[in-house]
PDB file of N, CA and C in Angstrom:
ATOM      1  N   GLN A   1       6.168  -6.463  19.502  1.00  0.00           N
ATOM      2  CA  GLN A   1       6.574  -5.188  19.668  1.00  0.00           C
ATOM      3  C   GLN A   1       6.393  -4.245  18.657  1.00  0.00           C
ATOM      4  N   VAL A   2       6.424  -4.857  17.583  1.00  0.00           N
ATOM      5  CA  VAL A   2       6.361  -4.044  16.150  1.00  0.00           C
ATOM      6  C   VAL A   2       4.941  -3.600  15.992  1.00  0.00           C
ATOM      7  N   ARG A   3       4.741  -2.508  15.496  1.00  0.00           N
ATOM      8  CA  ARG A   3       3.529  -1.596  15.236  1.00  0.00           C
ATOM      9  C   ARG A   3       3.668  -0.647  14.049  1.00  0.00           C
ATOM     10  N   GLY A   4       2.617  -0.345  13.475  1.00  0.00           N
ATOM     11  CA  GLY A   4       2.752   0.631  12.254  1.00  0.00           C
ATOM     12  C   GLY A   4       2.299   0.155  11.235  1.00  0.00           C
ATOM     13  N   LEU A   5       2.659   0.812  10.118  1.00  0.00           N
ATOM     14  CA  LEU A   5       2.022   0.589   8.716  1.00  0.00           C
ATOM     15  C   LEU A   5       2.857  -0.735   8.143  1.00  0.00           C
ATOM     16  N   CYS A   6       3.889  -1.336   8.893  1.00  0.00           N
ATOM     17  CA  CYS A   6       4.429  -2.528   8.622  1.00  0.00           C
ATOM     18  C   CYS A   6       3.819  -3.828   9.235  1.00  0.00           C
ATOM     19  N   GLY A   7       2.761  -3.577  10.025  1.00  0.00           N
ATOM     20  CA  GLY A   7       1.755  -4.588  10.657  1.00  0.00           C
ATOM     21  C   GLY A   7       2.649  -4.601  12.172  1.00  0.00           C
ATOM     22  N   THR A   8       2.184  -6.002  12.837  1.00  0.00           N
ATOM     23  CA  THR A   8       2.611  -6.300  13.963  1.00  0.00           C
ATOM     24  C   THR A   8       3.617  -7.525  13.892  1.00  0.00           C
ATOM     25  N   PHE A   9       3.575  -8.125  13.045  1.00  0.00           N
ATOM     26  CA  PHE A   9       4.760  -9.179  12.656  1.00  0.00           C
ATOM     27  C   PHE A   9       4.621 -10.163  13.992  1.00  0.00           C
ATOM     28  N   ASN A  10       3.499 -10.624  14.369  1.00  0.00           N
ATOM     29  CA  ASN A  10       3.229 -11.680  15.321  1.00  0.00           C
ATOM     30  C   ASN A  10       2.728 -13.002  15.083  1.00  0.00           C
ATOM     31  N   GLY A  11       2.470 -12.947  13.731  1.00  0.00           N
ATOM     32  CA  GLY A  11       1.869 -14.197  13.028  1.00  0.00           C
ATOM     33  C   GLY A  11       0.384 -14.187  13.038  1.00  0.00           C
ATOM     34  N   ASP A  12      -0.364 -13.101  13.466  1.00  0.00           N
ATOM     35  CA  ASP A  12      -1.719 -13.177  13.719  1.00  0.00           C
ATOM     36  C   ASP A  12      -2.156 -12.024  12.636  1.00  0.00           C
ATOM     37  N   GLN A  13      -2.739 -12.440  11.479  1.00  0.00           N
ATOM     38  CA  GLN A  13      -3.262 -11.506  10.495  1.00  0.00           C
ATOM     39  C   GLN A  13      -4.426 -10.601  10.877  1.00  0.00           C
ATOM     40  N   ARG A  14      -5.061 -11.154  11.908  1.00  0.00           N
ATOM     41  CA  ARG A  14      -6.131 -10.319  12.319  1.00  0.00           C
ATOM     42  C   ARG A  14      -5.855  -9.041  12.878  1.00  0.00           C
ATOM     43  N   ASP A  15      -4.656  -8.648  13.270  1.00  0.00           N
ATOM     44  CA  ASP A  15      -4.321  -7.437  14.018  1.00  0.00           C
ATOM     45  C   ASP A  15      -3.388  -6.821  13.143  1.00  0.00           C
ATOM     46  N   GLU A  16      -3.174  -6.970  12.021  1.00  0.00           N
ATOM     47  CA  GLU A  16      -2.040  -6.175  11.050  1.00  0.00           C
ATOM     48  C   GLU A  16      -2.453  -4.809  10.929  1.00  0.00           C
ATOM     49  N   PHE A  17      -3.546  -4.482  11.032  1.00  0.00           N
ATOM     50  CA  PHE A  17      -4.222  -3.248  10.662  1.00  0.00           C
ATOM     51  C   PHE A  17      -4.596  -2.519  11.999  1.00  0.00           C
ATOM     52  N   THR A  18      -3.620  -2.538  12.919  1.00  0.00           N
ATOM     53  CA  THR A  18      -3.896  -1.952  14.316  1.00  0.00           C
ATOM     54  C   THR A  18      -3.307  -0.383  14.027  1.00  0.00           C
ATOM     55  N   THR A  19      -4.241   0.569  14.370  1.00  0.00           N
ATOM     56  CA  THR A  19      -3.894   2.009  14.269  1.00  0.00           C
ATOM     57  C   THR A  19      -3.177   2.422  15.592  1.00  0.00           C
ATOM     58  N   PRO A  20      -2.527   3.628  15.558  1.00  0.00           N
ATOM     59  CA  PRO A  20      -1.907   4.086  16.733  1.00  0.00           C
ATOM     60  C   PRO A  20      -2.788   4.136  17.828  1.00  0.00           C
ATOM     61  N   GLU A  21      -4.004   4.300  17.730  1.00  0.00           N
ATOM     62  CA  GLU A  21      -4.897   4.344  18.742  1.00  0.00           C
ATOM     63  C   GLU A  21      -5.309   2.986  19.474  1.00  0.00           C
ATOM     64  N   GLY A  22      -4.848   1.923  18.917  1.00  0.00           N
ATOM     65  CA  GLY A  22      -5.083   0.456  19.168  1.00  0.00           C
ATOM     66  C   GLY A  22      -6.255  -0.116  18.500  1.00  0.00           C
ATOM     67  N   ASP A  23      -7.014   0.779  17.712  1.00  0.00           N
ATOM     68  CA  ASP A  23      -8.088   0.073  17.181  1.00  0.00           C
ATOM     69  C   ASP A  23      -7.776  -0.797  15.887  1.00  0.00           C
ATOM     70  N   VAL A  24      -8.307  -1.775  15.480  1.00  0.00           N
ATOM     71  CA  VAL A  24      -8.212  -2.834  14.350  1.00  0.00           C
ATOM     72  C   VAL A  24      -9.100  -2.450  13.300  1.00  0.00           C
ATOM     73  N   GLU A  25      -8.683  -1.880  12.341  1.00  0.00           N
ATOM     74  CA  GLU A  25      -9.314  -1.511  11.086  1.00  0.00           C
ATOM     75  C   GLU A  25      -9.541  -2.570  10.015  1.00  0.00           C
ATOM     76  N   LEU A  26     -10.771  -2.612   9.435  1.00  0.00           N
ATOM     77  CA  LEU A  26     -10.804  -3.618   8.491  1.00  0.00           C
ATOM     78  C   LEU A  26     -10.294  -3.288   6.990  1.00  0.00           C
ATOM     79  N   GLY A  27     -10.457  -1.899   6.744  1.00  0.00           N
ATOM     80  CA  GLY A  27     -10.075  -1.526   5.289  1.00  0.00           C
ATOM     81  C   GLY A  27      -8.740  -0.811   5.236  1.00  0.00           C
ATOM     82  N   VAL A  28      -8.023  -1.003   4.033  1.00  0.00           N
ATOM     83  CA  VAL A  28      -6.756  -0.266   3.905  1.00  0.00           C
ATOM     84  C   VAL A  28      -6.800   1.070   3.922  1.00  0.00           C
ATOM     85  N   ALA A  29      -7.673   1.635   3.408  1.00  0.00           N
ATOM     86  CA  ALA A  29      -7.873   3.152   3.323  1.00  0.00           C
ATOM     87  C   ALA A  29      -8.010   3.897   4.756  1.00  0.00           C
ATOM     88  N   THR A  30      -8.948   3.173   5.560  1.00  0.00           N
ATOM     89  CA  THR A  30      -9.038   3.728   6.864  1.00  0.00           C
ATOM     90  C   THR A  30      -7.846   3.509   7.686  1.00  0.00           C
ATOM     91  N   PHE A  31      -7.193   2.254   7.648  1.00  0.00           N
ATOM     92  CA  PHE A  31      -5.990   1.949   8.319  1.00  0.00           C
ATOM     93  C   PHE A  31      -4.873   3.048   7.917  1.00  0.00           C
ATOM     94  N   ALA A  32      -4.752   3.277   6.687  1.00  0.00           N
ATOM     95  CA  ALA A  32      -3.663   4.157   6.200  1.00  0.00           C
ATOM     96  C   ALA A  32      -3.910   5.524   6.807  1.00  0.00           C
ATOM     97  N   ASN A  33      -5.261   6.081   6.615  1.00  0.00           N
ATOM     98  CA  ASN A  33      -5.579   7.473   7.142  1.00  0.00           C
ATOM     99  C   ASN A  33      -5.342   7.629   8.651  1.00  0.00           C
ATOM    100  N   ALA A  34      -5.338   6.606   9.366  1.00  0.00           N
ATOM    101  CA  ALA A  34      -5.032   6.693  10.808  1.00  0.00           C
ATOM    102  C   ALA A  34      -3.463   7.160  10.914  1.00  0.00           C
ATOM    103  N   PHE A  35      -2.801   6.993  10.096  1.00  0.00           N
ATOM    104  CA  PHE A  35      -1.235   7.165  10.100  1.00  0.00           C
ATOM    105  C   PHE A  35      -1.006   8.676   9.660  1.00  0.00           C
ATOM    106  N   ARG A  36      -2.065   9.140   8.909  1.00  0.00           N
ATOM    107  CA  ARG A  36      -1.780  10.419   7.969  1.00  0.00           C
ATOM    108  C   ARG A  36      -1.788  11.616   8.958  1.00  0.00           C
ATOM    109  N   ALA A  37      -0.654  12.280   8.889  1.00  0.00           N
ATOM    110  CA  ALA A  37      -0.423  13.662   9.368  1.00  0.00           C
ATOM    111  C   ALA A  37      -1.327  14.771   8.920  1.00  0.00           C
ATOM    112  N   ALA A  38      -2.383  15.265   9.812  1.00  0.00           N
ATOM    113  CA  ALA A  38      -3.252  16.158   9.355  1.00  0.00           C
ATOM    114  C   ALA A  38      -2.929  17.352   8.506  1.00  0.00           C
ATOM    115  N   GLY A  39      -3.426  17.259   7.307  1.00  0.00           N
ATOM    116  CA  GLY A  39      -3.152  18.541   6.540  1.00  0.00           C
ATOM    117  C   GLY A  39      -1.986  18.330   5.695  1.00  0.00           C
ATOM    118  N   ALA A  40      -1.289  17.112   5.724  1.00  0.00           N
ATOM    119  CA  ALA A  40       0.109  16.826   5.075  1.00  0.00           C
ATOM    120  C   ALA A  40      -0.394  16.306   3.762  1.00  0.00           C
ATOM    121  N   CYS A  41      -1.299  15.428   3.460  1.00  0.00           N
ATOM    122  CA  CYS A  41      -1.811  15.005   2.242  1.00  0.00           C
ATOM    123  C   CYS A  41      -3.310  14.606   2.499  1.00  0.00           C
ATOM    124  N   PRO A  42      -3.864  14.479   1.203  1.00  0.00           N
ATOM    125  CA  PRO A  42      -5.336  14.187   1.330  1.00  0.00           C
ATOM    126  C   PRO A  42      -5.713  12.795   1.791  1.00  0.00           C
ATOM    127  N   ALA A  43      -6.706  12.574   2.403  1.00  0.00           N
ATOM    128  CA  ALA A  43      -7.044  11.300   3.008  1.00  0.00           C
ATOM    129  C   ALA A  43      -7.449  10.340   1.837  1.00  0.00           C
ATOM    130  N   LEU A  44      -7.263   9.110   1.896  1.00  0.00           N
ATOM    131  CA  LEU A  44      -7.389   8.141   0.918  1.00  0.00           C
ATOM    132  C   LEU A  44      -9.037   7.934   1.042  1.00  0.00           C
ATOM    133  N   GLY A  45      -9.616   7.593  -0.291  1.00  0.00           N
ATOM    134  CA  GLY A  45     -10.937   7.374  -0.192  1.00  0.00           C
ATOM    135  C   GLY A  45     -11.008   5.970   0.092  1.00  0.00           C
ATOM    136  N   PRO A  46     -12.365   5.168  -0.212  1.00  0.00           N
ATOM    137  CA  PRO A  46     -12.672   3.815   0.026  1.00  0.00           C
ATOM    138  C   PRO A  46     -11.894   2.875  -0.879  1.00  0.00           C
ATOM    139  N   SER A  47     -11.405   3.334  -1.950  1.00  0.00           N
ATOM    140  CA  SER A  47     -10.593   2.442  -2.759  1.00  0.00           C
ATOM    141  C   SER A  47      -9.243   3.285  -2.926  1.00  0.00           C
ATOM    142  N   ILE A  48      -8.162   2.275  -3.250  1.00  0.00           N
ATOM    143  CA  ILE A  48      -6.763   2.613  -3.400  1.00  0.00           C
ATOM    144  C   ILE A  48      -6.626   3.037  -4.840  1.00  0.00           C
ATOM    145  N   PRO A  49      -6.272   4.273  -4.934  1.00  0.00           N
ATOM    146  CA  PRO A  49      -6.168   4.719  -6.525  1.00  0.00           C
ATOM    147  C   PRO A  49      -4.875   4.178  -7.070  1.00  0.00           C
ATOM    148  N   ASN A  50      -4.892   3.927  -8.476  1.00  0.00           N
ATOM    149  CA  ASN A  50      -3.963   3.037  -9.229  1.00  0.00           C
ATOM    150  C   ASN A  50      -2.763   4.209  -9.230  1.00  0.00           C
ATOM    151  N   PRO A  51      -1.447   3.851  -8.924  1.00  0.00           N
ATOM    152  CA  PRO A  51      -0.775   4.818  -8.965  1.00  0.00           C
ATOM    153  C   PRO A  51      -0.134   5.183 -10.474  1.00  0.00           C
ATOM    154  N   CYS A  52      -0.432   4.383 -11.299  1.00  0.00           N
ATOM    155  CA  CYS A  52      -0.165   4.637 -12.698  1.00  0.00           C
ATOM    156  C   CYS A  52      -1.089   5.753 -13.403  1.00  0.00           C
ATOM    157  N   HIS A  53      -2.165   6.008 -12.609  1.00  0.00           N
ATOM    158  CA  HIS A  53      -3.055   7.108 -13.281  1.00  0.00           C
ATOM    159  C   HIS A  53      -2.667   8.351 -13.157  1.00  0.00           C
ATOM    160  N   GLY A  54      -1.577   8.581 -12.047  1.00  0.00           N
ATOM    161  CA  GLY A  54      -1.180   9.911 -11.817  1.00  0.00           C
ATOM    162  C   GLY A  54       0.050  10.280 -12.323  1.00  0.00           C
ATOM    163  N   PHE A  55       0.756   9.206 -13.368  1.00  0.00           N
ATOM    164  CA  PHE A  55       1.856   9.303 -14.048  1.00  0.00           C
ATOM    165  C   PHE A  55       1.606   8.763 -15.270  1.00  0.00           C
ATOM    166  N   PRO A  56       1.208   9.753 -16.386  1.00  0.00           N
ATOM    167  CA  PRO A  56       1.064   9.225 -17.765  1.00  0.00           C
ATOM    168  C   PRO A  56       2.469   8.317 -18.184  1.00  0.00           C
ATOM    169  N   GLY A  57       2.195   7.433 -18.782  1.00  0.00           N
ATOM    170  CA  GLY A  57       3.237   6.703 -19.451  1.00  0.00           C
ATOM    171  C   GLY A  57       3.947   5.660 -18.578  1.00  0.00           C
ATOM    172  N   SER A  58       3.546   5.700 -17.168  1.00  0.00           N
ATOM    173  CA  SER A  58       4.112   4.667 -16.202  1.00  0.00           C
ATOM    174  C   SER A  58       3.593   3.183 -16.485  1.00  0.00           C
ATOM    175  N   TRP A  59       2.521   3.095 -16.967  1.00  0.00           N
ATOM    176  CA  TRP A  59       2.034   1.742 -17.179  1.00  0.00           C
ATOM    177  C   TRP A  59       2.823   0.902 -18.317  1.00  0.00           C
ATOM    178  N   GLU A  60       3.143   1.795 -19.372  1.00  0.00           N
ATOM    179  CA  GLU A  60       3.813   1.341 -20.422  1.00  0.00           C
ATOM    180  C   GLU A  60       5.281   0.969 -20.285  1.00  0.00           C
ATOM    181  N   ARG A  61       5.807   1.923 -19.286  1.00  0.00           N
ATOM    182  CA  ARG A  61       7.269   1.757 -18.895  1.00  0.00           C
ATOM    183  C   ARG A  61       7.385   0.578 -18.033  1.00  0.00           C
ATOM    184  N   ALA A  62       6.418   0.298 -17.010  1.00  0.00           N
ATOM    185  CA  ALA A  62       6.346  -0.770 -16.173  1.00  0.00           C
ATOM    186  C   ALA A  62       6.446  -2.026 -16.956  1.00  0.00           C
ATOM    187  N   GLU A  63       5.542  -2.081 -17.895  1.00  0.00           N
ATOM    188  CA  GLU A  63       5.285  -3.301 -18.699  1.00  0.00           C
ATOM    189  C   GLU A  63       6.521  -3.632 -19.463  1.00  0.00           C
ATOM    190  N   ALA A  64       7.110  -2.614 -19.948  1.00  0.00           N
ATOM    191  CA  ALA A  64       8.395  -2.885 -20.773  1.00  0.00           C
ATOM    192  C   ALA A  64       9.623  -3.343 -19.951  1.00  0.00           C
ATOM    193  N   ALA A  65       9.577  -2.941 -18.575  1.00  0.00           N
ATOM    194  CA  ALA A  65      10.829  -3.157 -17.802  1.00  0.00           C
ATOM    195  C   ALA A  65      10.553  -4.627 -17.090  1.00  0.00           C
ATOM    196  N   CYS A  66       9.165  -5.023 -16.896  1.00  0.00           N
ATOM    197  CA  CYS A  66       8.843  -6.450 -16.564  1.00  0.00           C
ATOM    198  C   CYS A  66       8.785  -7.277 -17.535  1.00  0.00           C
ATOM    199  N   ALA A  67       8.787  -6.872 -18.857  1.00  0.00           N
ATOM    200  CA  ALA A  67       8.953  -7.843 -19.818  1.00  0.00           C
ATOM    201  C   ALA A  67      10.279  -8.725 -19.939  1.00  0.00           C
ATOM    202  N   VAL A  68      11.223  -7.933 -19.448  1.00  0.00           N
ATOM    203  CA  VAL A  68      12.648  -8.635 -19.432  1.00  0.00           C
ATOM    204  C   VAL A  68      12.464  -9.775 -18.487  1.00  0.00           C
ATOM    205  N   LEU A  69      11.789  -9.831 -17.490  1.00  0.00           N
ATOM    206  CA  LEU A  69      11.646 -11.123 -16.502  1.00  0.00           C
ATOM    207  C   LEU A  69      11.059 -12.328 -17.271  1.00  0.00           C
ATOM    208  N   VAL A  70      10.337 -11.992 -18.181  1.00  0.00           N
ATOM    209  CA  VAL A  70       9.481 -13.165 -18.938  1.00  0.00           C
ATOM    210  C   VAL A  70      10.230 -13.329 -20.406  1.00  0.00           C
ATOM    211  N   GLY A  71      11.239 -12.794 -20.573  1.00  0.00           N
ATOM    212  CA  GLY A  71      12.023 -12.765 -21.858  1.00  0.00           C
ATOM    213  C   GLY A  71      13.056 -14.058 -21.953  1.00  0.00           C
ATOM    214  N   PRO A  72      13.759 -13.902 -22.991  1.00  0.00           N
ATOM    215  CA  PRO A  72      14.670 -15.005 -23.175  1.00  0.00           C
ATOM    216  C   PRO A  72      15.878 -14.929 -22.123  1.00  0.00           C
ATOM    217  N   VAL A  73      16.018 -13.843 -21.599  1.00  0.00           N
ATOM    218  CA  VAL A  73      17.191 -13.727 -20.734  1.00  0.00           C
ATOM    219  C   VAL A  73      17.102 -14.608 -19.491  1.00  0.00           C
ATOM    220  N   PHE A  74      15.754 -14.591 -19.066  1.00  0.00           N
ATOM    221  CA  PHE A  74      15.601 -15.651 -17.824  1.00  0.00           C
ATOM    222  C   PHE A  74      14.871 -16.775 -18.082  1.00  0.00           C
ATOM    223  N   GLN A  75      14.974 -17.382 -19.411  1.00  0.00           N
ATOM    224  CA  GLN A  75      14.193 -18.607 -19.529  1.00  0.00           C
ATOM    225  C   GLN A  75      15.197 -19.736 -19.317  1.00  0.00           C
TER     226      GLN A  75
END
């Protein structure tokens, strides 16, 4: 009975990308665009953009934060 961007949660991965119209999409971008409110944001292209490209310095901050997980504190 669950539907939407979180999938169907029925154990069948073949129907996880079910759109509001009931179609099953094969690609992530096409699936996500099916839930997009018209005009609210640009449609996704065929590939998902890297979120770090839109925020300069994000990659370095993320690497520094994640470095704690592989550092001596968690060994």
